[in-house]
Amino acid sequence: MGSEAQIRFLKAKLRVMQEEVNRLAHEINKKIFYSSRLKRVQKQTVTNHSTTEVRLNRAAEEAERYKMELNKMKQSSKDSASLEHQKIEQLKAENKKLEKQKTELMTGFKKQLKLIDILKRQKMHIEAAKMLSFTEEEFMKALEWGKS
């Protein structure tokens, strides 16, 4: 091979190498562009993840707060139910006591009515006895007057 052929061969080889360099440079540029794009997406993803995590933490705190509030409300409800139950029991006991007093008063009232009735009869008997005594005295006077 001659030097011209060698020059042509080297020039052709240079062109092929230049094309390869251009192609590789273009590929590198594409990869750099793709890499920067991936970095932006990653940064955006990290930001979104952080935002989501903050929201999740706030939601978890809020859920915990609501859970505590619910427990307080349940306890308050239990306490008020217990107080109401105690009050109902107290009112039942007081009602029972009043019913007993009512029964005792009614019994006493009935006994008083019987005593009044007995006293009326006794009074009637006493008055009848007085009348009988008066009539007897009159009769005796009449007998004595008739003797004289």
C-alpha atoms as a PDB file:
ATOM      1  CA  MET A   1       0.000   0.000   0.000  1.00  0.00           C
ATOM      2  CA  GLY A   2       1.156   3.336  -0.910  1.00  0.00           C
ATOM      3  CA  SER A   3       1.320   6.412   1.186  1.00  0.00           C
ATOM      4  CA  GLU A   4      -1.686   7.940  -0.654  1.00  0.00           C
ATOM      5  CA  ALA A   5      -3.681   4.860   0.012  1.00  0.00           C
ATOM      6  CA  GLN A   6      -2.563   4.927   3.570  1.00  0.00           C
ATOM      7  CA  ILE A   7      -3.550   8.625   3.853  1.00  0.00           C
ATOM      8  CA  ARG A   8      -6.958   7.858   2.326  1.00  0.00           C
ATOM      9  CA  PHE A   9      -7.327   4.917   4.649  1.00  0.00           C
ATOM     10  CA  LEU A  10      -6.338   7.033   7.651  1.00  0.00           C
ATOM     11  CA  LYS A  11      -8.653   9.884   6.493  1.00  0.00           C
ATOM     12  CA  ALA A  12     -11.488   7.396   6.135  1.00  0.00           C
ATOM     13  CA  LYS A  13     -10.618   5.947   9.494  1.00  0.00           C
ATOM     14  CA  LEU A  14     -10.483   9.526  10.892  1.00  0.00           C
ATOM     15  CA  ARG A  15     -13.950  10.257   9.440  1.00  0.00           C
ATOM     16  CA  VAL A  16     -15.324   7.055  10.922  1.00  0.00           C
ATOM     17  CA  MET A  17     -13.704   7.902  14.265  1.00  0.00           C
ATOM     18  CA  GLN A  18     -15.000  11.504  14.017  1.00  0.00           C
ATOM     19  CA  GLU A  19     -18.502  10.185  13.343  1.00  0.00           C
ATOM     20  CA  GLU A  20     -18.099   7.797  16.268  1.00  0.00           C
ATOM     21  CA  VAL A  21     -16.922  10.716  18.473  1.00  0.00           C
ATOM     22  CA  ASN A  22     -19.870  12.845  17.284  1.00  0.00           C
ATOM     23  CA  ARG A  23     -22.286   9.987  17.918  1.00  0.00           C
ATOM     24  CA  LEU A  24     -20.785   9.358  21.382  1.00  0.00           C
ATOM     25  CA  ALA A  25     -20.827  13.111  22.161  1.00  0.00           C
ATOM     26  CA  HIS A  26     -24.471  13.244  21.084  1.00  0.00           C
ATOM     27  CA  GLU A  27     -25.228  10.195  23.231  1.00  0.00           C
ATOM     28  CA  ILE A  28     -23.375  11.762  26.180  1.00  0.00           C
ATOM     29  CA  ASN A  29     -25.404  14.970  25.740  1.00  0.00           C
ATOM     30  CA  LYS A  30     -28.612  12.912  25.667  1.00  0.00           C
ATOM     31  CA  LYS A  31     -27.540  11.056  28.811  1.00  0.00           C
ATOM     32  CA  ILE A  32     -26.614  14.330  30.556  1.00  0.00           C
ATOM     33  CA  PHE A  33     -30.012  15.773  29.571  1.00  0.00           C
ATOM     34  CA  TYR A  34     -31.762  12.608  30.721  1.00  0.00           C
ATOM     35  CA  SER A  35     -29.699  12.617  33.962  1.00  0.00           C
ATOM     36  CA  SER A  36     -30.575  16.264  34.703  1.00  0.00           C
ATOM     37  CA  ARG A  37     -34.206  15.478  33.951  1.00  0.00           C
ATOM     38  CA  LEU A  38     -34.053  12.501  36.329  1.00  0.00           C
ATOM     39  CA  LYS A  39     -32.457  14.720  38.991  1.00  0.00           C
ATOM     40  CA  ARG A  40     -35.325  17.224  38.612  1.00  0.00           C
ATOM     41  CA  VAL A  41     -37.885  14.432  38.825  1.00  0.00           C
ATOM     42  CA  GLN A  42     -36.072  12.968  41.838  1.00  0.00           C
ATOM     43  CA  LYS A  43     -35.950  16.381  43.516  1.00  0.00           C
ATOM     44  CA  GLN A  44     -39.644  16.884  42.799  1.00  0.00           C
ATOM     45  CA  THR A  45     -40.380  13.382  44.088  1.00  0.00           C
ATOM     46  CA  VAL A  46     -38.392  14.058  47.263  1.00  0.00           C
ATOM     47  CA  THR A  47     -40.286  17.336  47.719  1.00  0.00           C
ATOM     48  CA  ASN A  48     -43.613  15.598  47.133  1.00  0.00           C
ATOM     49  CA  HIS A  49     -42.572  12.823  49.495  1.00  0.00           C
ATOM     50  CA  SER A  50     -41.618  15.360  52.185  1.00  0.00           C
ATOM     51  CA  THR A  51     -44.901  17.212  51.717  1.00  0.00           C
ATOM     52  CA  THR A  52     -46.831  13.962  51.855  1.00  0.00           C
ATOM     53  CA  GLU A  53     -44.932  12.875  54.946  1.00  0.00           C
ATOM     54  CA  VAL A  54     -45.676  16.201  56.657  1.00  0.00           C
ATOM     55  CA  ARG A  55     -49.364  15.829  55.761  1.00  0.00           C
ATOM     56  CA  LEU A  56     -49.317  12.240  57.004  1.00  0.00           C
ATOM     57  CA  ASN A  57     -47.735  13.302  60.306  1.00  0.00           C
ATOM     58  CA  ARG A  58     -50.308  16.081  60.720  1.00  0.00           C
ATOM     59  CA  ALA A  59     -53.122  13.668  59.891  1.00  0.00           C
ATOM     60  CA  ALA A  60     -51.718  11.148  62.388  1.00  0.00           C
ATOM     61  CA  GLU A  61     -51.494  13.863  65.075  1.00  0.00           C
ATOM     62  CA  GLU A  62     -55.029  14.981  64.278  1.00  0.00           C
ATOM     63  CA  ALA A  63     -56.261  11.378  64.397  1.00  0.00           C
ATOM     64  CA  GLU A  64     -54.557  10.928  67.769  1.00  0.00           C
ATOM     65  CA  ARG A  65     -56.113  14.164  69.022  1.00  0.00           C
ATOM     66  CA  TYR A  66     -59.558  13.021  67.854  1.00  0.00           C
ATOM     67  CA  LYS A  67     -58.994   9.608  69.432  1.00  0.00           C
ATOM     68  CA  MET A  68     -58.132  11.253  72.763  1.00  0.00           C
ATOM     69  CA  GLU A  69     -61.165  13.533  72.450  1.00  0.00           C
ATOM     70  CA  LEU A  70     -63.357  10.512  71.699  1.00  0.00           C
ATOM     71  CA  ASN A  71     -61.977   8.704  74.757  1.00  0.00           C
ATOM     72  CA  LYS A  72     -62.687  11.802  76.873  1.00  0.00           C
ATOM     73  CA  MET A  73     -66.223  11.956  75.501  1.00  0.00           C
ATOM     74  CA  LYS A  74     -66.741   8.234  76.156  1.00  0.00           C
ATOM     75  CA  GLN A  75     -65.461   8.661  79.720  1.00  0.00           C
ATOM     76  CA  SER A  76     -67.658  11.718  80.185  1.00  0.00           C
ATOM     77  CA  SER A  77     -70.618   9.770  78.835  1.00  0.00           C
ATOM     78  CA  LYS A  78     -69.868   6.879  81.206  1.00  0.00           C
ATOM     79  CA  ASP A  79     -69.537   9.301  84.112  1.00  0.00           C
ATOM     80  CA  SER A  80     -72.805  11.055  83.305  1.00  0.00           C
ATOM     81  CA  ALA A  81     -74.542   7.695  82.811  1.00  0.00           C
ATOM     82  CA  SER A  82     -73.183   6.573  86.175  1.00  0.00           C
ATOM     83  CA  LEU A  83     -74.368   9.795  87.808  1.00  0.00           C
ATOM     84  CA  GLU A  84     -77.769   9.441  86.179  1.00  0.00           C
ATOM     85  CA  HIS A  85     -77.968   5.827  87.341  1.00  0.00           C
ATOM     86  CA  GLN A  86     -77.061   6.889  90.884  1.00  0.00           C
ATOM     87  CA  LYS A  87     -79.651   9.658  90.761  1.00  0.00           C
ATOM     88  CA  ILE A  88     -82.294   7.229  89.480  1.00  0.00           C
ATOM     89  CA  GLU A  89     -81.446   4.785  92.279  1.00  0.00           C
ATOM     90  CA  GLN A  90     -81.585   7.613  94.812  1.00  0.00           C
ATOM     91  CA  LEU A  91     -84.968   8.751  93.457  1.00  0.00           C
ATOM     92  CA  LYS A  92     -86.265   5.166  93.543  1.00  0.00           C
ATOM     93  CA  ALA A  93     -85.167   4.823  97.176  1.00  0.00           C
ATOM     94  CA  GLU A  94     -86.772   8.158  98.045  1.00  0.00           C
ATOM     95  CA  ASN A  95     -89.943   7.146  96.176  1.00  0.00           C
ATOM     96  CA  LYS A  96     -90.044   3.842  98.080  1.00  0.00           C
ATOM     97  CA  LYS A  97     -89.595   5.715 101.360  1.00  0.00           C
ATOM     98  CA  LEU A  98     -92.411   8.125 100.450  1.00  0.00           C
ATOM     99  CA  GLU A  99     -94.663   5.231  99.438  1.00  0.00           C
ATOM    100  CA  LYS A 100     -93.975   3.606 102.815  1.00  0.00           C
ATOM    101  CA  GLN A 101     -94.773   6.876 104.591  1.00  0.00           C
ATOM    102  CA  LYS A 102     -97.961   7.194 102.534  1.00  0.00           C
ATOM    103  CA  THR A 103     -98.974   3.656 103.484  1.00  0.00           C
ATOM    104  CA  GLU A 104     -98.245   4.386 107.153  1.00  0.00           C
ATOM    105  CA  LEU A 105    -100.242   7.629 106.973  1.00  0.00           C
ATOM    106  CA  MET A 106    -103.155   5.867 105.286  1.00  0.00           C
ATOM    107  CA  THR A 107    -103.077   3.151 107.961  1.00  0.00           C
ATOM    108  CA  GLY A 108    -102.976   5.820 110.684  1.00  0.00           C
ATOM    109  CA  PHE A 109    -105.817   7.712 109.000  1.00  0.00           C
ATOM    110  CA  LYS A 110    -107.952   4.543 108.817  1.00  0.00           C
ATOM    111  CA  LYS A 111    -107.241   3.826 112.495  1.00  0.00           C
ATOM    112  CA  GLN A 112    -108.210   7.404 113.369  1.00  0.00           C
ATOM    113  CA  LEU A 113    -111.446   7.013 111.401  1.00  0.00           C
ATOM    114  CA  LYS A 114    -112.202   3.804 113.325  1.00  0.00           C
ATOM    115  CA  LEU A 115    -111.410   5.575 116.609  1.00  0.00           C
ATOM    116  CA  ILE A 116    -113.664   8.483 115.621  1.00  0.00           C
ATOM    117  CA  ASP A 117    -116.414   6.010 114.800  1.00  0.00           C
ATOM    118  CA  ILE A 118    -115.891   4.242 118.150  1.00  0.00           C
ATOM    119  CA  LEU A 119    -115.890   7.602 119.968  1.00  0.00           C
ATOM    120  CA  LYS A 120    -119.123   8.602 118.199  1.00  0.00           C
ATOM    121  CA  ARG A 121    -120.724   5.317 119.280  1.00  0.00           C
ATOM    122  CA  GLN A 122    -119.446   5.787 122.824  1.00  0.00           C
ATOM    123  CA  LYS A 123    -120.822   9.342 122.846  1.00  0.00           C
ATOM    124  CA  MET A 124    -124.132   8.049 121.524  1.00  0.00           C
ATOM    125  CA  HIS A 125    -124.182   5.347 124.234  1.00  0.00           C
ATOM    126  CA  ILE A 126    -123.286   7.912 126.908  1.00  0.00           C
ATOM    127  CA  GLU A 127    -126.041  10.242 125.693  1.00  0.00           C
ATOM    128  CA  ALA A 128    -128.458   7.317 125.556  1.00  0.00           C
ATOM    129  CA  ALA A 129    -127.377   6.355 129.080  1.00  0.00           C
ATOM    130  CA  LYS A 130    -127.931   9.959 130.242  1.00  0.00           C
ATOM    131  CA  MET A 131    -131.334   9.975 128.606  1.00  0.00           C
ATOM    132  CA  LEU A 132    -132.117   6.641 130.180  1.00  0.00           C
ATOM    133  CA  SER A 133    -130.892   7.913 133.530  1.00  0.00           C
ATOM    134  CA  PHE A 134    -132.953  11.091 133.116  1.00  0.00           C
ATOM    135  CA  THR A 135    -136.005   9.087 132.153  1.00  0.00           C
ATOM    136  CA  GLU A 136    -135.426   6.727 135.064  1.00  0.00           C
ATOM    137  CA  GLU A 137    -135.175   9.662 137.474  1.00  0.00           C
ATOM    138  CA  GLU A 138    -138.358  11.141 136.066  1.00  0.00           C
ATOM    139  CA  PHE A 139    -140.055   7.777 136.398  1.00  0.00           C
ATOM    140  CA  MET A 140    -138.927   7.488 140.020  1.00  0.00           C
ATOM    141  CA  LYS A 141    -140.144  11.011 140.756  1.00  0.00           C
ATOM    142  CA  ALA A 142    -143.440  10.179 139.132  1.00  0.00           C
ATOM    143  CA  LEU A 143    -143.708   7.057 141.260  1.00  0.00           C
ATOM    144  CA  GLU A 144    -142.861   8.995 144.365  1.00  0.00           C
ATOM    145  CA  TRP A 145    -145.341  11.694 143.463  1.00  0.00           C
ATOM    146  CA  GLY A 146    -147.964   9.080 142.886  1.00  0.00           C
ATOM    147  CA  LYS A 147    -147.307   7.690 146.413  1.00  0.00           C
ATOM    148  CA  SER A 148    -147.752  10.933 148.069  1.00  0.00           C
END
